[in-house]
């Protein structure tokens, strides 16, 4: 398991982190020609949605990136892949995901960003990348774990901040 830890000093750095991870994840999903699952874990206000905004904007989306808190998922289609941003905070029962066709999202060349993955217990595939967000005073501490991504690629993300 490859791991990297880093601290982000402000919202701008969280958006920048999302942008760097976007480049890594989208190139990887295109190379592998499959879906990539990235779970975003942490308390409310820890930076998960801010990260997602930076990620989606870096893909070329120029409109407002909305939080899918009430819709559960927002879809962003690009020429060669899609990005699905899930926010499962308000999910009452993991079975709801089956009704919305959750498996279909993982059958395309895409990157799925899933906030609150613990709410979907038993319904999601094993994540390719796990990102843990911890809010501490003025910083956000981040831990990235992956068995798919090379350590040198994670180190490059850290160095880019």
Protein backbone atom coordinates (compact mmCIF):
# COMPACT_ATOMS: atom_id res chain seq x y z
CA UNK A 1 0.00 0.00 0.00
CA UNK A 2 1.44 3.35 -1.07
CA UNK A 3 0.78 6.24 1.29
CA UNK A 4 1.52 9.94 1.44
CA UNK A 5 0.61 12.52 4.08
CA UNK A 6 0.41 16.26 3.60
CA UNK A 7 -1.01 19.42 5.16
CA UNK A 8 -3.01 22.04 3.29
CA UNK A 9 -2.93 25.57 4.68
CA UNK A 10 -6.10 26.98 3.12
CA UNK A 11 -9.02 26.48 0.76
CA UNK A 12 -6.92 27.49 -2.26
CA UNK A 13 -4.44 24.69 -1.49
CA UNK A 14 -7.33 22.20 -1.15
CA UNK A 15 -8.59 23.20 -4.62
CA UNK A 16 -5.03 22.92 -5.96
CA UNK A 17 -4.72 19.45 -4.41
CA UNK A 18 -7.94 18.45 -6.16
CA UNK A 19 -6.54 19.72 -9.44
CA UNK A 20 -3.32 17.71 -9.09
CA UNK A 21 -5.22 14.55 -8.18
CA UNK A 22 -7.51 15.14 -11.17
CA UNK A 23 -4.61 14.99 -13.59
CA UNK A 24 -3.32 11.79 -11.96
CA UNK A 25 -6.71 10.04 -11.76
CA UNK A 26 -8.06 10.94 -15.19
CA UNK A 27 -4.86 9.90 -16.95
CA UNK A 28 -4.93 6.63 -15.01
CA UNK A 29 -8.57 5.86 -15.86
CA UNK A 30 -7.86 6.57 -19.54
CA UNK A 31 -4.72 4.42 -19.50
CA UNK A 32 -6.56 1.52 -17.82
CA UNK A 33 -9.78 2.13 -19.83
CA UNK A 34 -11.95 1.57 -16.76
CA UNK A 35 -13.62 3.32 -13.90
CA UNK A 36 -11.60 4.53 -10.94
CA UNK A 37 -13.10 4.86 -7.46
CA UNK A 38 -11.76 7.56 -5.15
CA UNK A 39 -13.25 7.67 -1.65
CA UNK A 40 -13.17 10.92 0.32
CA UNK A 41 -13.40 10.40 4.06
CA UNK A 42 -13.53 12.93 6.90
CA UNK A 43 -15.81 15.02 9.06
CA UNK A 44 -18.11 17.79 7.88
CA UNK A 45 -16.08 20.81 6.82
CA UNK A 46 -12.86 18.83 6.37
CA UNK A 47 -12.48 19.79 2.67
CA UNK A 48 -14.02 16.91 0.68
CA UNK A 49 -16.34 19.06 -1.45
CA UNK A 50 -13.68 21.77 -1.91
CA UNK A 51 -11.29 19.07 -3.13
CA UNK A 52 -13.98 17.79 -5.52
CA UNK A 53 -14.54 21.29 -6.90
CA UNK A 54 -10.82 21.61 -7.71
CA UNK A 55 -10.81 18.11 -9.24
CA UNK A 56 -13.81 18.76 -11.52
CA UNK A 57 -12.70 22.26 -12.55
CA UNK A 58 -9.29 20.84 -13.57
CA UNK A 59 -11.10 18.46 -15.93
CA UNK A 60 -12.37 21.49 -17.83
CA UNK A 61 -15.78 22.11 -16.27
CA UNK A 62 -16.36 25.87 -16.33
CA UNK A 63 -19.73 26.20 -14.59
CA UNK A 64 -20.51 26.06 -10.86
CA UNK A 65 -19.64 22.72 -9.28
CA UNK A 66 -22.64 21.86 -7.11
CA UNK A 67 -22.54 19.69 -4.04
CA UNK A 68 -24.68 16.59 -4.61
CA UNK A 69 -25.88 16.59 -0.99
CA UNK A 70 -29.54 16.29 -1.98
CA UNK A 71 -29.23 14.62 -5.39
CA UNK A 72 -26.65 12.03 -4.19
CA UNK A 73 -24.70 12.30 -7.47
CA UNK A 74 -23.71 14.97 -9.99
CA UNK A 75 -22.47 13.85 -13.40
CA UNK A 76 -19.79 15.67 -15.41
CA UNK A 77 -19.28 14.31 -18.93
CA UNK A 78 -16.13 15.10 -20.87
CA UNK A 79 -14.97 13.87 -24.29
CA UNK A 80 -13.12 10.74 -23.16
CA UNK A 81 -14.42 10.07 -19.65
CA UNK A 82 -16.94 11.14 -17.01
CA UNK A 83 -16.58 12.26 -13.42
CA UNK A 84 -19.28 11.27 -10.94
CA UNK A 85 -19.37 13.19 -7.68
CA UNK A 86 -21.32 11.36 -4.99
CA UNK A 87 -22.23 12.80 -1.60
CA UNK A 88 -23.81 10.03 0.45
CA UNK A 89 -24.18 12.01 3.68
CA UNK A 90 -28.00 11.98 3.51
CA UNK A 91 -28.28 8.38 2.32
CA UNK A 92 -30.69 6.58 4.62
CA UNK A 93 -30.21 3.03 3.36
CA UNK A 94 -27.44 1.61 1.13
CA UNK A 95 -30.15 -0.21 -0.86
CA UNK A 96 -31.17 3.20 -2.30
CA UNK A 97 -27.99 3.03 -4.37
CA UNK A 98 -29.17 -0.17 -6.02
CA UNK A 99 -32.38 1.57 -7.10
CA UNK A 100 -30.43 4.41 -8.70
CA UNK A 101 -28.25 1.99 -10.68
CA UNK A 102 -25.00 2.43 -8.77
CA UNK A 103 -23.28 -0.40 -10.67
CA UNK A 104 -23.72 1.44 -13.97
CA UNK A 105 -21.49 4.26 -12.74
CA UNK A 106 -18.59 1.86 -12.36
CA UNK A 107 -18.95 0.22 -15.77
CA UNK A 108 -17.70 3.22 -17.82
CA UNK A 109 -14.39 4.99 -18.28
CA UNK A 110 -14.79 7.38 -15.39
CA UNK A 111 -13.62 8.65 -12.05
CA UNK A 112 -16.08 8.46 -9.16
CA UNK A 113 -15.46 10.72 -6.19
CA UNK A 114 -17.45 9.40 -3.24
CA UNK A 115 -17.94 11.44 -0.08
CA UNK A 116 -19.15 9.48 2.97
CA UNK A 117 -18.45 6.02 1.47
CA UNK A 118 -19.18 4.35 4.82
CA UNK A 119 -22.88 5.11 4.23
CA UNK A 120 -22.82 2.74 1.22
CA UNK A 121 -21.51 -0.29 3.06
CA UNK A 122 -21.50 -3.34 0.80
CA UNK A 123 -22.61 -1.42 -2.31
CA UNK A 124 -19.33 0.04 -3.58
CA UNK A 125 -16.37 -1.74 -5.18
CA UNK A 126 -13.03 -1.63 -3.40
CA UNK A 127 -11.62 1.91 -3.79
CA UNK A 128 -8.59 2.50 -5.97
CA UNK A 129 -7.61 5.54 -3.91
CA UNK A 130 -8.64 6.52 -0.39
CA UNK A 131 -8.22 10.11 0.73
CA UNK A 132 -8.67 10.95 4.41
CA UNK A 133 -9.31 14.59 5.39
CA UNK A 134 -8.78 15.85 8.95
CA UNK A 135 -9.48 19.44 9.90
CA UNK A 136 -7.09 20.85 12.50
CA UNK A 137 -7.22 24.52 13.53
CA UNK A 138 -6.08 26.31 10.36
CA UNK A 139 -4.94 23.32 8.30
CA UNK A 140 -6.32 20.21 6.71
CA UNK A 141 -4.23 17.10 7.14
CA UNK A 142 -4.53 14.66 4.25
CA UNK A 143 -3.56 11.01 3.95
CA UNK A 144 -3.73 9.32 0.54
CA UNK A 145 -3.62 5.52 0.30
CA UNK A 146 -3.58 3.41 -2.84
CA UNK A 147 -2.46 0.05 -4.07
CA UNK A 148 -2.94 1.15 -7.69
CA UNK A 149 -1.01 4.41 -7.81
CA UNK A 150 2.79 4.34 -7.69
CA UNK A 151 4.52 5.91 -4.68
CA UNK A 152 6.42 8.24 -7.02
CA UNK A 153 3.11 9.56 -8.40
CA UNK A 154 1.79 10.27 -4.89
CA UNK A 155 5.08 11.93 -3.97
CA UNK A 156 4.79 14.11 -7.11
CA UNK A 157 1.34 15.30 -5.99
CA UNK A 158 2.77 16.24 -2.61
CA UNK A 159 5.73 18.02 -4.23
CA UNK A 160 3.34 19.97 -6.48
CA UNK A 161 1.76 21.68 -3.51
